[in-house]
Amino acid sequence: MSSTTRIAFIGGGNMARSLIGGLIRDGVPPARLAVSEPNADLRAALASDFAITTPAGNEDAAATADVLLLAVKPQVMSSVCAGLRATAQARKPLVISTAAGIRIDQLDTWLGGGVPIVRCMPNTPALIGAGATGACANARCSDAQRATAQAILNAVGATVWIADEGLMDTVTAISGSGPAYFFLLVEALEDAAVAQGLPRETARALATQTCLGAGRMLSEDGAAPAELRRRVTSPGGTTQAALDSFAASAFHATVARAVAAATQRGGELSAQLDA
């Protein structure tokens, strides 16, 4: 990312706050960042915490920006883009959208056309700098602009580029919604341990640390999940008994149905905005 790149965040919620904090930790000067946010309390908090410019109006934030990072809800994206159309057409900034289900062609139409756009799907662990983001770019994006987008998104975790935008709803179903699946698993482990007699506080501590350690092994060992599972499973042992129970309950099929449902819903949300 160029040392002079100016970034305007449209929307100052949790994701924008996380990215702003990550960029500043990475050495981006606060003077190169601005965020527009209609909520006065959020604006004041962002200005106080990060010493950045916080205009109330989107157009004011975008006026001198090289990058527009759209961090607003999908339901308001069309009207937000309409308000930014004149600036987008005059400056042709790189546009990065974090809105679930909003397609690149929709954004391009709402912004007036011919704009370099990156559609991305971060997830909530970005709030602690451990996010997983899937991203795709349109043909208007240069290699330098893709690198700029990656530098911004990497400030809160890891970024994976997706060549086919049609797969972004699946990305949303895996990484965007995925933390909720993980929390559900920990919740289920905790409840099961309590049912077996462990105190809830003990059950939660053990389940949390076990999942944290398993995640680190996946990240750092380099082996496939199936291989790591094999290493911890002794034939006829306790782990095998639990895995046999999962298999009898069609665990893989249950997960596949859940991901398919989330993927389908992402497409439905996008289609609703075409109406």
Protein backbone atom coordinates (compact mmCIF):
# COMPACT_ATOMS: atom_id res chain seq x y z
CA MET A 1 0.00 0.00 0.00
CA SER A 2 1.34 3.41 -0.97
CA SER A 3 2.55 5.64 1.84
CA THR A 4 0.12 8.32 0.62
CA THR A 5 -3.02 6.17 0.24
CA ARG A 6 -6.02 7.75 1.92
CA ILE A 7 -8.78 5.45 3.15
CA ALA A 8 -12.36 6.48 3.93
CA PHE A 9 -14.54 4.12 5.94
CA ILE A 10 -18.23 4.47 5.27
CA GLY A 11 -19.79 3.16 8.44
CA GLY A 12 -18.07 3.09 11.82
CA GLY A 13 -19.28 -0.13 13.39
CA ASN A 14 -17.27 -3.01 14.82
CA MET A 15 -15.70 -4.14 11.56
CA ALA A 16 -14.57 -0.64 10.62
CA ARG A 17 -13.23 -0.11 14.14
CA SER A 18 -11.26 -3.35 13.92
CA LEU A 19 -9.74 -2.47 10.55
CA ILE A 20 -8.88 1.07 11.65
CA GLY A 21 -7.18 -0.25 14.78
CA GLY A 22 -5.29 -2.88 12.79
CA LEU A 23 -4.10 -0.38 10.19
CA ILE A 24 -2.85 2.01 12.84
CA ARG A 25 -1.05 -0.86 14.61
CA ASP A 26 0.55 -1.63 11.25
CA GLY A 27 1.89 1.92 11.06
CA VAL A 28 -0.70 3.70 8.91
CA PRO A 29 -0.85 7.34 10.09
CA PRO A 30 -4.28 8.31 11.49
CA ALA A 31 -4.21 11.38 9.24
CA ARG A 32 -4.68 9.08 6.23
CA LEU A 33 -7.88 7.60 7.64
CA ALA A 34 -11.39 9.00 7.87
CA VAL A 35 -14.69 7.44 8.87
CA SER A 36 -18.23 8.67 8.36
CA GLU A 37 -20.82 7.45 10.81
CA PRO A 38 -24.31 8.84 11.50
CA ASN A 39 -24.22 7.87 15.18
CA ALA A 40 -22.68 10.80 17.07
CA ASP A 41 -21.53 8.65 20.00
CA LEU A 42 -19.71 6.24 17.69
CA ARG A 43 -18.09 9.15 15.84
CA ALA A 44 -16.87 10.64 19.10
CA ALA A 45 -15.47 7.30 20.28
CA LEU A 46 -13.61 6.72 17.00
CA ALA A 47 -12.14 10.21 17.04
CA SER A 48 -11.09 9.83 20.67
CA ASP A 49 -9.64 6.32 20.35
CA PHE A 50 -7.81 6.72 17.04
CA ALA A 51 -7.37 10.47 16.45
CA ILE A 52 -8.89 10.17 12.98
CA THR A 53 -11.19 12.48 11.06
CA THR A 54 -14.87 11.61 11.61
CA PRO A 55 -17.19 13.64 9.37
CA ALA A 56 -20.90 12.95 9.70
CA GLY A 57 -21.44 12.88 5.94
CA ASN A 58 -20.29 10.10 3.62
CA GLU A 59 -19.44 12.52 0.82
CA ASP A 60 -17.15 14.53 3.12
CA ALA A 61 -15.26 11.40 4.16
CA ALA A 62 -14.93 10.20 0.55
CA ALA A 63 -13.95 13.51 -1.05
CA THR A 64 -10.18 12.92 -1.03
CA ALA A 65 -10.07 9.14 -0.57
CA ASP A 66 -8.15 6.70 -2.72
CA VAL A 67 -10.00 3.79 -1.11
CA LEU A 68 -13.64 3.67 -0.03
CA LEU A 69 -14.30 0.87 2.43
CA LEU A 70 -18.03 0.28 2.63
CA ALA A 71 -18.84 -1.19 6.04
CA VAL A 72 -22.61 -0.73 6.16
CA LYS A 73 -25.50 -3.17 6.33
CA PRO A 74 -26.61 -4.78 3.06
CA GLN A 75 -30.08 -3.27 3.40
CA VAL A 76 -28.76 0.30 3.13
CA MET A 77 -25.93 -0.31 0.65
CA SER A 78 -27.90 0.82 -2.40
CA SER A 79 -28.77 4.22 -0.92
CA VAL A 80 -25.25 4.68 0.46
CA CYS A 81 -23.74 3.99 -2.97
CA ALA A 82 -26.20 6.35 -4.62
CA GLY A 83 -24.96 9.12 -2.36
CA LEU A 84 -21.35 8.32 -3.26
CA ARG A 85 -21.91 7.95 -7.01
CA ALA A 86 -20.66 11.41 -8.00
CA THR A 87 -17.44 10.97 -6.00
CA ALA A 88 -16.94 7.43 -7.32
CA GLN A 89 -17.29 8.60 -10.89
CA ALA A 90 -15.04 11.62 -10.43
CA ARG A 91 -12.22 9.87 -8.56
CA LYS A 92 -12.61 6.16 -9.45
CA PRO A 93 -11.35 5.08 -6.03
CA LEU A 94 -10.81 1.45 -5.09
CA VAL A 95 -14.05 0.33 -3.43
CA ILE A 96 -13.98 -2.44 -0.84
CA SER A 97 -17.29 -3.83 0.42
CA THR A 98 -17.71 -5.97 3.53
CA ALA A 99 -21.48 -6.42 3.08
CA ALA A 100 -22.71 -10.01 2.97
CA GLY A 101 -24.58 -11.01 -0.16
CA ILE A 102 -23.98 -7.82 -2.16
CA ARG A 103 -22.55 -8.68 -5.58
CA ILE A 104 -19.88 -6.70 -7.40
CA ASP A 105 -22.19 -5.96 -10.33
CA GLN A 106 -24.78 -4.51 -7.95
CA LEU A 107 -22.18 -2.25 -6.35
CA ASP A 108 -20.88 -1.18 -9.74
CA THR A 109 -24.37 -0.29 -10.96
CA TRP A 110 -25.21 1.68 -7.83
CA LEU A 111 -21.90 3.58 -8.06
CA GLY A 112 -22.41 4.48 -11.72
CA GLY A 113 -20.20 1.87 -13.40
CA GLY A 114 -16.54 1.45 -14.24
CA VAL A 115 -15.31 1.34 -10.64
CA PRO A 116 -12.59 -1.00 -9.29
CA ILE A 117 -14.31 -3.10 -6.63
CA VAL A 118 -13.26 -5.74 -4.13
CA ARG A 119 -16.01 -7.73 -2.45
CA CYS A 120 -14.91 -9.34 0.78
CA MET A 121 -16.33 -11.31 3.66
CA PRO A 122 -14.48 -10.85 6.97
CA ASN A 123 -15.60 -12.59 10.14
CA THR A 124 -15.94 -11.54 13.76
CA PRO A 125 -12.52 -12.82 14.96
CA ALA A 126 -11.23 -9.80 13.04
CA LEU A 127 -12.22 -7.93 16.21
CA ILE A 128 -9.19 -9.51 17.90
CA GLY A 129 -6.92 -9.51 14.86
CA ALA A 130 -7.56 -13.17 14.04
CA GLY A 131 -10.01 -12.85 11.18
CA ALA A 132 -10.41 -14.96 8.07
CA THR A 133 -11.46 -12.98 5.00
CA GLY A 134 -12.44 -14.22 1.56
CA ALA A 135 -12.14 -11.63 -1.20
CA CYS A 136 -12.71 -11.31 -4.93
CA ALA A 137 -12.06 -8.42 -7.33
CA ASN A 138 -13.54 -7.24 -10.59
CA ALA A 139 -11.52 -6.74 -13.78
CA ARG A 140 -11.17 -3.02 -13.08
CA CYS A 141 -8.85 -3.73 -10.15
CA SER A 142 -5.17 -3.46 -10.95
CA ASP A 143 -2.58 -5.67 -9.28
CA ALA A 144 -1.59 -2.69 -7.14
CA GLN A 145 -5.19 -2.18 -6.03
CA ARG A 146 -5.55 -5.85 -5.14
CA ALA A 147 -2.35 -5.55 -3.10
CA THR A 148 -3.78 -2.46 -1.37
CA ALA A 149 -6.97 -4.32 -0.52
CA GLN A 150 -5.01 -7.25 0.84
CA ALA A 151 -2.84 -4.98 2.98
CA ILE A 152 -5.96 -3.40 4.48
CA LEU A 153 -7.71 -6.70 5.13
CA ASN A 154 -4.58 -8.40 6.47
CA ALA A 155 -4.51 -5.82 9.25
CA VAL A 156 -7.10 -7.99 11.04
CA GLY A 157 -6.09 -11.51 9.99
CA ALA A 158 -5.60 -13.67 6.90
CA THR A 159 -7.04 -13.01 3.44
CA VAL A 160 -7.79 -15.62 0.77
CA TRP A 161 -8.60 -14.56 -2.81
CA ILE A 162 -11.52 -16.26 -4.57
CA ALA A 163 -11.38 -16.33 -8.37
CA ASP A 164 -15.09 -17.06 -8.90
CA GLU A 165 -17.43 -14.57 -7.27
CA GLY A 166 -20.17 -17.17 -7.48
CA LEU A 167 -18.43 -18.94 -4.60
CA MET A 168 -18.58 -15.94 -2.26
CA ASP A 169 -21.86 -17.08 -0.73
CA THR A 170 -20.08 -20.31 0.23
CA VAL A 171 -17.20 -18.25 1.68
CA THR A 172 -19.79 -16.41 3.74
CA ALA A 173 -21.27 -19.72 4.88
CA ILE A 174 -17.84 -21.07 5.93
CA SER A 175 -15.84 -18.20 7.39
CA GLY A 176 -18.40 -15.41 7.75
CA SER A 177 -20.93 -17.55 9.62
CA GLY A 178 -18.38 -20.14 10.77
CA PRO A 179 -17.58 -18.62 14.17
CA ALA A 180 -21.20 -19.20 15.21
CA TYR A 181 -20.86 -22.90 14.34
CA PHE A 182 -17.72 -23.09 16.45
CA PHE A 183 -19.39 -21.36 19.39
CA LEU A 184 -22.32 -23.78 19.07
CA LEU A 185 -19.90 -26.73 19.27
CA VAL A 186 -18.25 -25.32 22.40
CA GLU A 187 -21.70 -24.67 23.88
CA ALA A 188 -22.70 -28.27 23.17
CA LEU A 189 -19.47 -29.63 24.65
CA GLU A 190 -19.97 -27.52 27.76
CA ASP A 191 -23.57 -28.66 28.21
CA ALA A 192 -22.61 -32.31 27.66
CA ALA A 193 -19.85 -32.09 30.27
CA VAL A 194 -22.21 -30.49 32.77
CA ALA A 195 -24.69 -33.30 32.14
CA GLN A 196 -21.88 -35.74 33.03
CA GLY A 197 -21.27 -33.92 36.32
CA LEU A 198 -18.55 -31.31 35.67
CA PRO A 199 -19.10 -27.81 37.06
CA ARG A 200 -20.05 -25.42 34.22
CA GLU A 201 -17.07 -23.15 34.80
CA THR A 202 -14.69 -26.11 34.58
CA ALA A 203 -16.45 -27.49 31.50
CA ARG A 204 -16.24 -24.16 29.70
CA ALA A 205 -12.56 -23.66 30.53
CA LEU A 206 -11.66 -27.14 29.29
CA ALA A 207 -13.75 -26.90 26.11
CA THR A 208 -12.46 -23.43 25.27
CA GLN A 209 -8.79 -24.27 25.75
CA THR A 210 -9.16 -27.58 23.93
CA CYS A 211 -10.64 -25.87 20.87
CA LEU A 212 -8.02 -23.12 21.01
CA GLY A 213 -5.23 -25.70 21.09
CA ALA A 214 -6.80 -27.74 18.29
CA GLY A 215 -7.11 -24.61 16.16
CA ARG A 216 -3.46 -23.78 16.69
CA MET A 217 -2.46 -27.30 15.72
CA LEU A 218 -4.42 -26.95 12.47
CA SER A 219 -2.75 -23.62 11.76
CA GLU A 220 0.80 -24.51 12.77
CA ASP A 221 1.25 -28.23 12.10
CA GLY A 222 0.39 -28.16 8.41
CA ALA A 223 -1.21 -31.60 8.38
CA ALA A 224 -4.72 -32.13 7.04
CA PRO A 225 -7.57 -32.20 9.57
CA ALA A 226 -8.16 -35.89 8.85
CA GLU A 227 -4.54 -36.70 9.68
CA LEU A 228 -4.64 -34.73 12.94
CA ARG A 229 -7.85 -36.52 13.86
CA ARG A 230 -6.21 -39.88 13.10
CA ARG A 231 -3.26 -39.08 15.36
CA VAL A 232 -5.50 -38.46 18.37
CA THR A 233 -7.76 -41.48 17.77
CA SER A 234 -6.70 -44.83 19.21
CA PRO A 235 -8.61 -47.86 17.88
CA GLY A 236 -11.15 -48.94 20.46
CA GLY A 237 -10.44 -45.92 22.65
CA THR A 238 -12.54 -43.09 24.05
CA THR A 239 -12.07 -40.80 21.03
CA GLN A 240 -13.10 -43.59 18.66
CA ALA A 241 -16.26 -44.15 20.70
CA ALA A 242 -17.19 -40.48 20.39
CA LEU A 243 -16.40 -40.36 16.67
CA ASP A 244 -18.49 -43.48 16.07
CA SER A 245 -21.40 -41.71 17.75
CA PHE A 246 -20.90 -38.65 15.53
CA ALA A 247 -20.86 -40.89 12.47
CA ALA A 248 -24.06 -42.65 13.53
CA SER A 249 -25.72 -39.24 13.75
CA ALA A 250 -24.55 -38.31 10.23
CA PHE A 251 -22.35 -35.47 11.49
CA HIS A 252 -20.81 -34.70 8.07
CA ALA A 253 -24.21 -34.60 6.42
CA THR A 254 -25.53 -32.29 9.13
CA VAL A 255 -22.67 -29.86 8.57
CA ALA A 256 -23.10 -30.06 4.80
CA ARG A 257 -26.81 -29.20 5.11
CA ALA A 258 -26.02 -26.26 7.40
CA VAL A 259 -23.43 -24.82 5.00
CA ALA A 260 -25.79 -25.32 2.05
CA ALA A 261 -28.56 -23.50 3.91
CA ALA A 262 -26.30 -20.55 4.71
CA THR A 263 -25.02 -20.44 1.12
CA GLN A 264 -28.55 -20.45 -0.25
CA ARG A 265 -29.60 -17.68 2.12
CA GLY A 266 -26.72 -15.51 0.96
CA GLY A 267 -27.91 -15.82 -2.62
CA GLU A 268 -31.48 -15.02 -1.58
CA LEU A 269 -30.41 -11.86 0.23
CA SER A 270 -28.53 -10.71 -2.88
CA ALA A 271 -31.50 -11.47 -5.15
CA GLN A 272 -33.85 -9.46 -2.94
CA LEU A 273 -31.80 -6.34 -3.65
CA ASP A 274 -32.25 -6.84 -7.41
CA ALA A 275 -35.98 -6.32 -7.06
